[in-house]
Amino acid sequence: QFDNPFGITIDASGNLYVADANNQVIRQVTPAGVVTTLA
């Protein structure tokens, strides 16, 4: 689950990093769709 995801970028390995704005966290999304709260 996310709450107002806004900014998004990708690294060389295909992992996404999402600024999950209303949750005040940075989420990581792997190419397989596995979401973890990175920070």
PDB file of all heavy atoms in Angstrom:
ATOM      1  N   GLN A   1       0.830  -1.196   0.000  1.00  0.00           N
ATOM      2  CA  GLN A   1       0.000   0.000   0.000  1.00  0.00           C
ATOM      3  C   GLN A   1       0.867   1.249   0.000  1.00  0.00           C
ATOM      4  O   GLN A   1       1.948   1.282   0.602  1.00  0.00           O
ATOM      5  CB  GLN A   1      -0.908   0.034   1.232  1.00  0.00           C
ATOM      6  CG  GLN A   1      -1.969  -1.064   1.260  1.00  0.00           C
ATOM      7  CD  GLN A   1      -2.788  -1.000   2.530  1.00  0.00           C
ATOM      8  OE1 GLN A   1      -2.279  -0.692   3.605  1.00  0.00           O
ATOM      9  NE2 GLN A   1      -4.075  -1.306   2.413  1.00  0.00           N
ATOM     10  N   PHE A   2       0.369   2.281  -0.694  1.00  0.00           N
ATOM     11  CA  PHE A   2       1.004   3.593  -0.745  1.00  0.00           C
ATOM     12  C   PHE A   2      -0.024   4.644  -0.352  1.00  0.00           C
ATOM     13  O   PHE A   2      -1.231   4.387  -0.372  1.00  0.00           O
ATOM     14  CB  PHE A   2       1.516   3.900  -2.154  1.00  0.00           C
ATOM     15  CG  PHE A   2       2.546   2.940  -2.676  1.00  0.00           C
ATOM     16  CD1 PHE A   2       2.155   1.754  -3.298  1.00  0.00           C
ATOM     17  CD2 PHE A   2       3.893   3.212  -2.565  1.00  0.00           C
ATOM     18  CE1 PHE A   2       3.091   0.854  -3.789  1.00  0.00           C
ATOM     19  CE2 PHE A   2       4.839   2.324  -3.057  1.00  0.00           C
ATOM     20  CZ  PHE A   2       4.439   1.139  -3.663  1.00  0.00           C
ATOM     21  N   ASP A   3       0.456   5.829  -0.026  1.00  0.00           N
ATOM     22  CA  ASP A   3      -0.433   6.946   0.254  1.00  0.00           C
ATOM     23  C   ASP A   3       0.106   8.183  -0.448  1.00  0.00           C
ATOM     24  O   ASP A   3       1.020   8.835   0.020  1.00  0.00           O
ATOM     25  CB  ASP A   3      -0.541   7.187   1.766  1.00  0.00           C
ATOM     26  CG  ASP A   3      -1.678   8.153   2.116  1.00  0.00           C
ATOM     27  OD1 ASP A   3      -2.276   8.727   1.191  1.00  0.00           O
ATOM     28  OD2 ASP A   3      -1.948   8.329   3.321  1.00  0.00           O
ATOM     29  N   ASN A   4      -0.436   8.438  -1.630  1.00  0.00           N
ATOM     30  CA  ASN A   4      -0.053   9.587  -2.445  1.00  0.00           C
ATOM     31  C   ASN A   4       1.397   9.492  -2.942  1.00  0.00           C
ATOM     32  O   ASN A   4       2.202  10.389  -2.736  1.00  0.00           O
ATOM     33  CB  ASN A   4      -0.249  10.894  -1.666  1.00  0.00           C
ATOM     34  CG  ASN A   4      -0.391  12.090  -2.583  1.00  0.00           C
ATOM     35  OD1 ASN A   4      -1.086  12.031  -3.578  1.00  0.00           O
ATOM     36  ND2 ASN A   4       0.255  13.177  -2.226  1.00  0.00           N
ATOM     37  N   PRO A   5       1.730   8.394  -3.633  1.00  0.00           N
ATOM     38  CA  PRO A   5       3.082   8.307  -4.199  1.00  0.00           C
ATOM     39  C   PRO A   5       3.265   9.389  -5.254  1.00  0.00           C
ATOM     40  O   PRO A   5       2.377   9.623  -6.060  1.00  0.00           O
ATOM     41  CB  PRO A   5       3.111   6.904  -4.810  1.00  0.00           C
ATOM     42  CG  PRO A   5       1.678   6.619  -5.139  1.00  0.00           C
ATOM     43  CD  PRO A   5       0.883   7.278  -4.042  1.00  0.00           C
ATOM     44  N   PHE A   6       4.431  10.016  -5.260  1.00  0.00           N
ATOM     45  CA  PHE A   6       4.608  11.175  -6.138  1.00  0.00           C
ATOM     46  C   PHE A   6       5.842  11.033  -7.013  1.00  0.00           C
ATOM     47  O   PHE A   6       5.746  10.738  -8.186  1.00  0.00           O
ATOM     48  CB  PHE A   6       4.663  12.452  -5.294  1.00  0.00           C
ATOM     49  CG  PHE A   6       4.363  13.693  -6.066  1.00  0.00           C
ATOM     50  CD1 PHE A   6       3.063  14.146  -6.190  1.00  0.00           C
ATOM     51  CD2 PHE A   6       5.367  14.411  -6.686  1.00  0.00           C
ATOM     52  CE1 PHE A   6       2.764  15.290  -6.920  1.00  0.00           C
ATOM     53  CE2 PHE A   6       5.092  15.550  -7.416  1.00  0.00           C
ATOM     54  CZ  PHE A   6       3.786  15.997  -7.534  1.00  0.00           C
ATOM     55  N   GLY A   7       7.023  11.273  -6.463  1.00  0.00           N
ATOM     56  CA  GLY A   7       8.242  11.174  -7.254  1.00  0.00           C
ATOM     57  C   GLY A   7       8.682   9.736  -7.415  1.00  0.00           C
ATOM     58  O   GLY A   7       8.420   8.891  -6.555  1.00  0.00           O
ATOM     59  N   ILE A   8       9.357   9.436  -8.518  1.00  0.00           N
ATOM     60  CA  ILE A   8       9.805   8.068  -8.784  1.00  0.00           C
ATOM     61  C   ILE A   8      11.081   8.109  -9.605  1.00  0.00           C
ATOM     62  O   ILE A   8      11.234   8.958 -10.494  1.00  0.00           O
ATOM     63  CB  ILE A   8       8.692   7.258  -9.491  1.00  0.00           C
ATOM     64  CG1 ILE A   8       9.030   5.779  -9.584  1.00  0.00           C
ATOM     65  CG2 ILE A   8       8.396   7.837 -10.864  1.00  0.00           C
ATOM     66  CD1 ILE A   8       7.856   4.918 -10.047  1.00  0.00           C
ATOM     67  N   THR A   9      12.018   7.203  -9.297  1.00  0.00           N
ATOM     68  CA  THR A   9      13.248   7.087 -10.076  1.00  0.00           C
ATOM     69  C   THR A   9      13.691   5.642 -10.059  1.00  0.00           C
ATOM     70  O   THR A   9      13.134   4.815  -9.334  1.00  0.00           O
ATOM     71  CB  THR A   9      14.345   8.020  -9.534  1.00  0.00           C
ATOM     72  OG1 THR A   9      15.414   8.088 -10.473  1.00  0.00           O
ATOM     73  CG2 THR A   9      14.882   7.525  -8.191  1.00  0.00           C
ATOM     74  N   ILE A  10      14.692   5.311 -10.857  1.00  0.00           N
ATOM     75  CA  ILE A  10      15.108   3.921 -11.027  1.00  0.00           C
ATOM     76  C   ILE A  10      16.617   3.834 -11.008  1.00  0.00           C
ATOM     77  O   ILE A  10      17.320   4.760 -11.440  1.00  0.00           O
ATOM     78  CB  ILE A  10      14.534   3.351 -12.347  1.00  0.00           C
ATOM     79  CG1 ILE A  10      14.645   1.833 -12.404  1.00  0.00           C
ATOM     80  CG2 ILE A  10      15.180   4.018 -13.553  1.00  0.00           C
ATOM     81  CD1 ILE A  10      13.811   1.198 -13.507  1.00  0.00           C
ATOM     82  N   ASP A  11      17.144   2.705 -10.458  1.00  0.00           N
ATOM     83  CA  ASP A  11      18.590   2.510 -10.462  1.00  0.00           C
ATOM     84  C   ASP A  11      18.990   1.559 -11.580  1.00  0.00           C
ATOM     85  O   ASP A  11      18.152   1.053 -12.334  1.00  0.00           O
ATOM     86  CB  ASP A  11      19.093   2.050  -9.089  1.00  0.00           C
ATOM     87  CG  ASP A  11      18.629   0.644  -8.716  1.00  0.00           C
ATOM     88  OD1 ASP A  11      18.160  -0.106  -9.603  1.00  0.00           O
ATOM     89  OD2 ASP A  11      18.745   0.289  -7.527  1.00  0.00           O
ATOM     90  N   ALA A  12      20.294   1.288 -11.687  1.00  0.00           N
ATOM     91  CA  ALA A  12      20.802   0.479 -12.788  1.00  0.00           C
ATOM     92  C   ALA A  12      20.360  -0.968 -12.709  1.00  0.00           C
ATOM     93  O   ALA A  12      20.401  -1.691 -13.716  1.00  0.00           O
ATOM     94  CB  ALA A  12      22.331   0.553 -12.816  1.00  0.00           C
ATOM     95  N   SER A  13      19.923  -1.410 -11.524  1.00  0.00           N
ATOM     96  CA  SER A  13      19.470  -2.786 -11.354  1.00  0.00           C
ATOM     97  C   SER A  13      17.965  -2.938 -11.581  1.00  0.00           C
ATOM     98  O   SER A  13      17.434  -4.045 -11.429  1.00  0.00           O
ATOM     99  CB  SER A  13      19.831  -3.291  -9.950  1.00  0.00           C
ATOM    100  OG  SER A  13      21.228  -3.261  -9.752  1.00  0.00           O
ATOM    101  N   GLY A  14      17.284  -1.848 -11.896  1.00  0.00           N
ATOM    102  CA  GLY A  14      15.860  -1.901 -12.143  1.00  0.00           C
ATOM    103  C   GLY A  14      14.996  -1.723 -10.922  1.00  0.00           C
ATOM    104  O   GLY A  14      13.776  -1.885 -10.989  1.00  0.00           O
ATOM    105  N   ASN A  15      15.609  -1.378  -9.788  1.00  0.00           N
ATOM    106  CA  ASN A  15      14.822  -1.085  -8.597  1.00  0.00           C
ATOM    107  C   ASN A  15      14.288   0.336  -8.663  1.00  0.00           C
ATOM    108  O   ASN A  15      14.998   1.258  -9.073  1.00  0.00           O
ATOM    109  CB  ASN A  15      15.680  -1.241  -7.340  1.00  0.00           C
ATOM    110  CG  ASN A  15      16.178  -2.657  -7.169  1.00  0.00           C
ATOM    111  OD1 ASN A  15      15.405  -3.594  -7.095  1.00  0.00           O
ATOM    112  ND2 ASN A  15      17.492  -2.812  -7.111  1.00  0.00           N
ATOM    113  N   LEU A  16      13.034   0.494  -8.265  1.00  0.00           N
ATOM    114  CA  LEU A  16      12.406   1.802  -8.217  1.00  0.00           C
ATOM    115  C   LEU A  16      12.501   2.358  -6.806  1.00  0.00           C
ATOM    116  O   LEU A  16      12.454   1.613  -5.815  1.00  0.00           O
ATOM    117  CB  LEU A  16      10.934   1.718  -8.610  1.00  0.00           C
ATOM    118  CG  LEU A  16      10.634   1.234 -10.026  1.00  0.00           C
ATOM    119  CD1 LEU A  16       9.160   0.927 -10.164  1.00  0.00           C
ATOM    120  CD2 LEU A  16      11.074   2.267 -11.048  1.00  0.00           C
ATOM    121  N   TYR A  17      12.605   3.689  -6.703  1.00  0.00           N
ATOM    122  CA  TYR A  17      12.563   4.380  -5.416  1.00  0.00           C
ATOM    123  C   TYR A  17      11.458   5.423  -5.508  1.00  0.00           C
ATOM    124  O   TYR A  17      11.446   6.249  -6.422  1.00  0.00           O
ATOM    125  CB  TYR A  17      13.917   5.010  -5.091  1.00  0.00           C
ATOM    126  CG  TYR A  17      15.004   3.952  -5.003  1.00  0.00           C
ATOM    127  CD1 TYR A  17      15.757   3.623  -6.120  1.00  0.00           C
ATOM    128  CD2 TYR A  17      15.212   3.255  -3.815  1.00  0.00           C
ATOM    129  CE1 TYR A  17      16.716   2.627  -6.061  1.00  0.00           C
ATOM    130  CE2 TYR A  17      16.173   2.259  -3.743  1.00  0.00           C
ATOM    131  CZ  TYR A  17      16.920   1.947  -4.871  1.00  0.00           C
ATOM    132  OH  TYR A  17      17.865   0.951  -4.798  1.00  0.00           O
ATOM    133  N   VAL A  18      10.524   5.343  -4.591  1.00  0.00           N
ATOM    134  CA  VAL A  18       9.310   6.146  -4.656  1.00  0.00           C
ATOM    135  C   VAL A  18       9.224   7.033  -3.422  1.00  0.00           C
ATOM    136  O   VAL A  18       9.381   6.557  -2.290  1.00  0.00           O
ATOM    137  CB  VAL A  18       8.055   5.247  -4.723  1.00  0.00           C
ATOM    138  CG1 VAL A  18       6.793   6.092  -4.792  1.00  0.00           C
ATOM    139  CG2 VAL A  18       8.139   4.309  -5.921  1.00  0.00           C
ATOM    140  N   ALA A  19       8.977   8.319  -3.651  1.00  0.00           N
ATOM    141  CA  ALA A  19       8.683   9.230  -2.545  1.00  0.00           C
ATOM    142  C   ALA A  19       7.206   9.061  -2.210  1.00  0.00           C
ATOM    143  O   ALA A  19       6.333   9.532  -2.936  1.00  0.00           O
ATOM    144  CB  ALA A  19       8.982  10.669  -2.937  1.00  0.00           C
ATOM    145  N   ASP A  20       6.945   8.347  -1.118  1.00  0.00           N
ATOM    146  CA  ASP A  20       5.572   8.064  -0.685  1.00  0.00           C
ATOM    147  C   ASP A  20       5.153   9.215   0.218  1.00  0.00           C
ATOM    148  O   ASP A  20       5.307   9.174   1.440  1.00  0.00           O
ATOM    149  CB  ASP A  20       5.543   6.726   0.037  1.00  0.00           C
ATOM    150  CG  ASP A  20       4.146   6.155   0.173  1.00  0.00           C
ATOM    151  OD1 ASP A  20       3.202   6.775  -0.332  1.00  0.00           O
ATOM    152  OD2 ASP A  20       4.009   5.091   0.796  1.00  0.00           O
ATOM    153  N   ALA A  21       4.606  10.258  -0.406  1.00  0.00           N
ATOM    154  CA  ALA A  21       4.532  11.581   0.213  1.00  0.00           C
ATOM    155  C   ALA A  21       3.789  11.605   1.542  1.00  0.00           C
ATOM    156  O   ALA A  21       4.303  12.101   2.554  1.00  0.00           O
ATOM    157  CB  ALA A  21       3.903  12.568  -0.763  1.00  0.00           C
ATOM    158  N   ASN A  22       2.565  11.095   1.569  1.00  0.00           N
ATOM    159  CA  ASN A  22       1.783  11.201   2.798  1.00  0.00           C
ATOM    160  C   ASN A  22       2.241  10.253   3.887  1.00  0.00           C
ATOM    161  O   ASN A  22       1.922  10.447   5.068  1.00  0.00           O
ATOM    162  CB  ASN A  22       0.295  10.959   2.508  1.00  0.00           C
ATOM    163  CG  ASN A  22      -0.353  12.131   1.801  1.00  0.00           C
ATOM    164  OD1 ASN A  22       0.260  13.187   1.635  1.00  0.00           O
ATOM    165  ND2 ASN A  22      -1.590  11.959   1.364  1.00  0.00           N
ATOM    166  N   ASN A  23       2.988   9.224   3.517  1.00  0.00           N
ATOM    167  CA  ASN A  23       3.548   8.317   4.524  1.00  0.00           C
ATOM    168  C   ASN A  23       4.892   8.791   5.052  1.00  0.00           C
ATOM    169  O   ASN A  23       5.444   8.187   5.972  1.00  0.00           O
ATOM    170  CB  ASN A  23       3.693   6.902   3.951  1.00  0.00           C
ATOM    171  CG  ASN A  23       2.390   6.141   3.943  1.00  0.00           C
ATOM    172  OD1 ASN A  23       1.603   6.245   4.876  1.00  0.00           O
ATOM    173  ND2 ASN A  23       2.155   5.374   2.887  1.00  0.00           N
ATOM    174  N   GLN A  24       5.444   9.829   4.416  1.00  0.00           N
ATOM    175  CA  GLN A  24       6.730  10.393   4.841  1.00  0.00           C
ATOM    176  C   GLN A  24       7.849   9.363   4.812  1.00  0.00           C
ATOM    177  O   GLN A  24       8.702   9.307   5.693  1.00  0.00           O
ATOM    178  CB  GLN A  24       6.614  10.981   6.263  1.00  0.00           C
ATOM    179  CG  GLN A  24       5.532  12.016   6.441  1.00  0.00           C
ATOM    180  CD  GLN A  24       5.955  13.405   5.980  1.00  0.00           C
ATOM    181  OE1 GLN A  24       6.996  13.570   5.361  1.00  0.00           O
ATOM    182  NE2 GLN A  24       5.165  14.400   6.283  1.00  0.00           N
ATOM    183  N   VAL A  25       7.837   8.507   3.770  1.00  0.00           N
ATOM    184  CA  VAL A  25       8.851   7.462   3.656  1.00  0.00           C
ATOM    185  C   VAL A  25       9.347   7.356   2.222  1.00  0.00           C
ATOM    186  O   VAL A  25       8.746   7.890   1.288  1.00  0.00           O
ATOM    187  CB  VAL A  25       8.311   6.082   4.097  1.00  0.00           C
ATOM    188  CG1 VAL A  25       7.930   6.092   5.565  1.00  0.00           C
ATOM    189  CG2 VAL A  25       7.139   5.639   3.232  1.00  0.00           C
ATOM    190  N   ILE A  26      10.452   6.640   2.069  1.00  0.00           N
ATOM    191  CA  ILE A  26      10.958   6.275   0.750  1.00  0.00           C
ATOM    192  C   ILE A  26      10.766   4.785   0.606  1.00  0.00           C
ATOM    193  O   ILE A  26      11.219   4.001   1.452  1.00  0.00           O
ATOM    194  CB  ILE A  26      12.438   6.661   0.598  1.00  0.00           C
ATOM    195  CG1 ILE A  26      12.590   8.182   0.723  1.00  0.00           C
ATOM    196  CG2 ILE A  26      12.981   6.175  -0.744  1.00  0.00           C
ATOM    197  CD1 ILE A  26      14.009   8.656   0.797  1.00  0.00           C
ATOM    198  N   ARG A  27      10.083   4.373  -0.466  1.00  0.00           N
ATOM    199  CA  ARG A  27       9.816   2.955  -0.694  1.00  0.00           C
ATOM    200  C   ARG A  27      10.690   2.444  -1.844  1.00  0.00           C
ATOM    201  O   ARG A  27      10.976   3.176  -2.796  1.00  0.00           O
ATOM    202  CB  ARG A  27       8.342   2.726  -1.061  1.00  0.00           C
ATOM    203  CG  ARG A  27       7.336   3.502  -0.236  1.00  0.00           C
ATOM    204  CD  ARG A  27       7.240   3.005   1.193  1.00  0.00           C
ATOM    205  NE  ARG A  27       6.644   1.685   1.320  1.00  0.00           N
ATOM    206  CZ  ARG A  27       5.329   1.441   1.304  1.00  0.00           C
ATOM    207  NH1 ARG A  27       4.464   2.439   1.106  1.00  0.00           N
ATOM    208  NH2 ARG A  27       4.864   0.211   1.474  1.00  0.00           N
ATOM    209  N   GLN A  28      11.071   1.194  -1.737  1.00  0.00           N
ATOM    210  CA  GLN A  28      11.785   0.524  -2.825  1.00  0.00           C
ATOM    211  C   GLN A  28      10.861  -0.517  -3.434  1.00  0.00           C
ATOM    212  O   GLN A  28      10.180  -1.255  -2.722  1.00  0.00           O
ATOM    213  CB  GLN A  28      13.053  -0.148  -2.315  1.00  0.00           C
ATOM    214  CG  GLN A  28      13.869  -0.817  -3.421  1.00  0.00           C
ATOM    215  CD  GLN A  28      15.014  -1.647  -2.883  1.00  0.00           C
ATOM    216  OE1 GLN A  28      14.801  -2.623  -2.176  1.00  0.00           O
ATOM    217  NE2 GLN A  28      16.231  -1.248  -3.212  1.00  0.00           N
ATOM    218  N   VAL A  29      10.842  -0.557  -4.763  1.00  0.00           N
ATOM    219  CA  VAL A  29      10.032  -1.539  -5.481  1.00  0.00           C
ATOM    220  C   VAL A  29      10.962  -2.298  -6.423  1.00  0.00           C
ATOM    221  O   VAL A  29      11.582  -1.710  -7.298  1.00  0.00           O
ATOM    222  CB  VAL A  29       8.895  -0.873  -6.292  1.00  0.00           C
ATOM    223  CG1 VAL A  29       7.988  -1.937  -6.889  1.00  0.00           C
ATOM    224  CG2 VAL A  29       8.099   0.100  -5.438  1.00  0.00           C
ATOM    225  N   THR A  30      11.060  -3.614  -6.232  1.00  0.00           N
ATOM    226  CA  THR A  30      11.916  -4.425  -7.100  1.00  0.00           C
ATOM    227  C   THR A  30      11.221  -4.683  -8.428  1.00  0.00           C
ATOM    228  O   THR A  30      10.012  -4.482  -8.573  1.00  0.00           O
ATOM    229  CB  THR A  30      12.247  -5.771  -6.445  1.00  0.00           C
ATOM    230  OG1 THR A  30      11.069  -6.585  -6.447  1.00  0.00           O
ATOM    231  CG2 THR A  30      12.758  -5.590  -5.018  1.00  0.00           C
ATOM    232  N   PRO A  31      11.962  -5.173  -9.434  1.00  0.00           N
ATOM    233  CA  PRO A  31      11.321  -5.498 -10.712  1.00  0.00           C
ATOM    234  C   PRO A  31      10.193  -6.521 -10.580  1.00  0.00           C
ATOM    235  O   PRO A  31       9.294  -6.559 -11.427  1.00  0.00           O
ATOM    236  CB  PRO A  31      12.479  -6.049 -11.552  1.00  0.00           C
ATOM    237  CG  PRO A  31      13.691  -5.376 -10.994  1.00  0.00           C
ATOM    238  CD  PRO A  31      13.433  -5.277  -9.522  1.00  0.00           C
ATOM    239  N   ALA A  32      10.222  -7.328  -9.514  1.00  0.00           N
ATOM    240  CA  ALA A  32       9.174  -8.322  -9.288  1.00  0.00           C
ATOM    241  C   ALA A  32       7.986  -7.753  -8.527  1.00  0.00           C
ATOM    242  O   ALA A  32       7.032  -8.481  -8.235  1.00  0.00           O
ATOM    243  CB  ALA A  32       9.743  -9.519  -8.529  1.00  0.00           C
ATOM    244  N   GLY A  33       8.027  -6.466  -8.194  1.00  0.00           N
ATOM    245  CA  GLY A  33       6.914  -5.842  -7.490  1.00  0.00           C
ATOM    246  C   GLY A  33       6.956  -5.982  -5.991  1.00  0.00           C
ATOM    247  O   GLY A  33       5.965  -5.706  -5.309  1.00  0.00           O
ATOM    248  N   VAL A  34       8.088  -6.401  -5.461  1.00  0.00           N
ATOM    249  CA  VAL A  34       8.227  -6.508  -4.011  1.00  0.00           C
ATOM    250  C   VAL A  34       8.508  -5.119  -3.438  1.00  0.00           C
ATOM    251  O   VAL A  34       9.502  -4.480  -3.791  1.00  0.00           O
ATOM    252  CB  VAL A  34       9.351  -7.480  -3.621  1.00  0.00           C
ATOM    253  CG1 VAL A  34       9.517  -7.537  -2.098  1.00  0.00           C
ATOM    254  CG2 VAL A  34       9.075  -8.869  -4.174  1.00  0.00           C
ATOM    255  N   VAL A  35       7.619  -4.660  -2.571  1.00  0.00           N
ATOM    256  CA  VAL A  35       7.722  -3.320  -2.001  1.00  0.00           C
ATOM    257  C   VAL A  35       8.213  -3.415  -0.565  1.00  0.00           C
ATOM    258  O   VAL A  35       7.670  -4.171   0.245  1.00  0.00           O
ATOM    259  CB  VAL A  35       6.356  -2.602  -2.014  1.00  0.00           C
ATOM    260  CG1 VAL A  35       6.469  -1.218  -1.372  1.00  0.00           C
ATOM    261  CG2 VAL A  35       5.832  -2.496  -3.439  1.00  0.00           C
ATOM    262  N   THR A  36       9.237  -2.659  -0.275  1.00  0.00           N
ATOM    263  CA  THR A  36       9.705  -2.518   1.096  1.00  0.00           C
ATOM    264  C   THR A  36       9.851  -1.039   1.405  1.00  0.00           C
ATOM    265  O   THR A  36      10.037  -0.220   0.499  1.00  0.00           O
ATOM    266  CB  THR A  36      11.058  -3.218   1.324  1.00  0.00           C
ATOM    267  OG1 THR A  36      12.002  -2.739   0.356  1.00  0.00           O
ATOM    268  CG2 THR A  36      10.920  -4.731   1.185  1.00  0.00           C
ATOM    269  N   THR A  37       9.736  -0.720   2.654  1.00  0.00           N
ATOM    270  CA  THR A  37       9.965   0.651   3.086  1.00  0.00           C
ATOM    271  C   THR A  37      11.453   0.791   3.336  1.00  0.00           C
ATOM    272  O   THR A  37      11.992   0.305   4.329  1.00  0.00           O
ATOM    273  CB  THR A  37       9.160   0.973   4.352  1.00  0.00           C
ATOM    274  OG1 THR A  37       7.769   0.806   4.062  1.00  0.00           O
ATOM    275  CG2 THR A  37       9.401   2.407   4.798  1.00  0.00           C
ATOM    276  N   LEU A  38      12.113   1.429   2.397  1.00  0.00           N
ATOM    277  CA  LEU A  38      13.561   1.560   2.485  1.00  0.00           C
ATOM    278  C   LEU A  38      13.956   2.479   3.620  1.00  0.00           C
ATOM    279  O   LEU A  38      14.928   2.228   4.327  1.00  0.00           O
ATOM    280  CB  LEU A  38      14.112   2.094   1.157  1.00  0.00           C
ATOM    281  CG  LEU A  38      15.605   2.354   1.106  1.00  0.00           C
ATOM    282  CD1 LEU A  38      16.383   1.059   1.245  1.00  0.00           C
ATOM    283  CD2 LEU A  38      15.978   3.052  -0.198  1.00  0.00           C
ATOM    284  N   ALA A  39      13.199   3.536   3.795  1.00  0.00           N
ATOM    285  CA  ALA A  39      13.560   4.521   4.814  1.00  0.00           C
ATOM    286  C   ALA A  39      12.296   5.143   5.375  1.00  0.00           C
ATOM    287  O   ALA A  39      11.421   5.573   4.617  1.00  0.00           O
ATOM    288  CB  ALA A  39      14.455   5.593   4.214  1.00  0.00           C
TER     289      ALA A  39
END
